[in-house]
Amino acid sequence: MKNLYATKATAIDLFSIRTPQMRAFHVTWFTFFLCFFGWFGIAPLMAVIREELALTKAQIGNIIIASVSITIIARLFIGWLCDKVGPRISYAALLVLGSLPVMFIGLSNSYESFLLFRLAIGVIGASFVITQYHTSVMFAPNVVGTANATAAGWGNLGGGVTQMVMPMIFAGFVGLGYTAAEAWRYSMVMPGAALLVMGFVYYFCTQDTPEGNLSELRKNNPQYRARAKEAEGSFWSACRDYRVWGLFVAYGACFGVEITIDNIAALYFIDNFNLGIGEAGLIAGLFGLMNLFARALGGIFGDKAGNRFGLPGRMVILCAFLLLEGLGIMLFSQMTFLPMAIAAMLLFALFVKMSNGATYSVVPFINNKALGSVSGIVGAGGNVGAVLAGFLFKSEAITYREGLLYLGMAVAVASVISLFLINPFAAQRVARQDEPSLAQPALAGQDVA
């Protein structure tokens, strides 16, 4: 008889932490939520920092690029590390190390030192890969898309909440008598300290798989030892799959847009609608708050399409959401009346988040023997997209409005390119081979007693 605690969960019981699957779900999404505070906590305060450090538009563009560029390498590495040592140790190490530049960015006193700290903070963005990896090994195929999207969406919610909360923390320090130059520095200590604490929580409160931690399983079970050897070539196995690169492009066009908007939204509303830092932060925060439900919707639609049409159904849904996202961004770029701009932002935000969720409803079905590597490569695609978008907003020759228009056009084109690369109908045969059964154990090929 199967031990239900040692198999993937076939349902999401949101009000339970009794099983290792649900403990991992709740600890993972909340950890990712705090990671967004650390990663983008500085973004809503950039108007203050811009004045203090006398930053130019090009320098701000370089800072935006730095915050997402290092994450490309970090996500590739962390995906491989998850396959190697498991998500528990990977996440704990990332949180402890990542907390340091967040807390110490206040030591910067020039453009160059600020840029280096912002670059180091970008490593925290690799947390997304571990989040998706951990939920993927904990939940069965019928709900894995929903689990992935919900955990990531509630985590990404931190990108919106930080836009609202960090200006309040900043104002609190100013109210205590600190200058603006001191207040933004002290404000960043708080998310950094939270990440440090969460590193220990993650290590002691989660386990790698429903069956236990990988180190123990590999010691006691020959099949897990065999899987450990397979993990050595998992990265190159993922690289050889053309579908992975289709998802790489797709995720660059959705998550890349999301973190770009997280970086520029407050400045955009300050400069184009003459708002204060608090007002701009509240409006920019609405973009991130859409993650409360929208990313989960993308996963739900992906699961429904997948349950009916297989992997091709998931892929077609994804590319349709991407096209609608691109059209929405173009509409937003043309809005000059604040209420209409907010409405247009929420419209395209809906499709950005749904595209994110739909992407990772596909990922677990590409190569279940290299799940971490696939997650890492696709996740890195999101940051490649953000880096490319960053060059649009760095240029002195175009305005932020024009940059958004071009970005929307690029997303629409990417939706077609990703559909061509993935080629869902040609992938149908491969999908049938790769897609695991509903009763699949924690890792492919592992029997459960």
Foldseek 3Di string as FASTA:
>chain_A
DFDPLQFAAADADQPDPPHLLNLLLVLLLVLLLLLLCLLLLCQLVVVVVCVQQVDDLLLLLLLLLLSQVLCLVLLLVLLLVCLQFFLLLSLLVLLQQLLVLLLCCLVDRYSVSNSVSSNSNSSSLSSLLSSLLQNLLRHFLLCSLLSSLLSNLSSLLSLLVSLQVSVVQLVVVVVVPDDSSVSNNNSSNVSSVVSNVSSVVSNPRHARHSNGHLVVCCVPPVVSVVLNVLSVCLLVVLVVFLLLVLLLLLLQLQLLVVSLLSNCQLVCCCVQVVDDSNVSSNLSSLLSNLSNPLLSVLSVQLSVLCVPPNLLRLLVSLLVLLLQLLVLLLLLLPDRDVVVNSVSSNRSSSSSSSSNSSSSSNQCQRALSSSSSSSSSSSSSNSVSNSVLSVLSSDPVDHVSVSSNVSSVSSNVSSVVSCVSNVSVVCPVVSVVRRDDRRAGSGHPDDGD
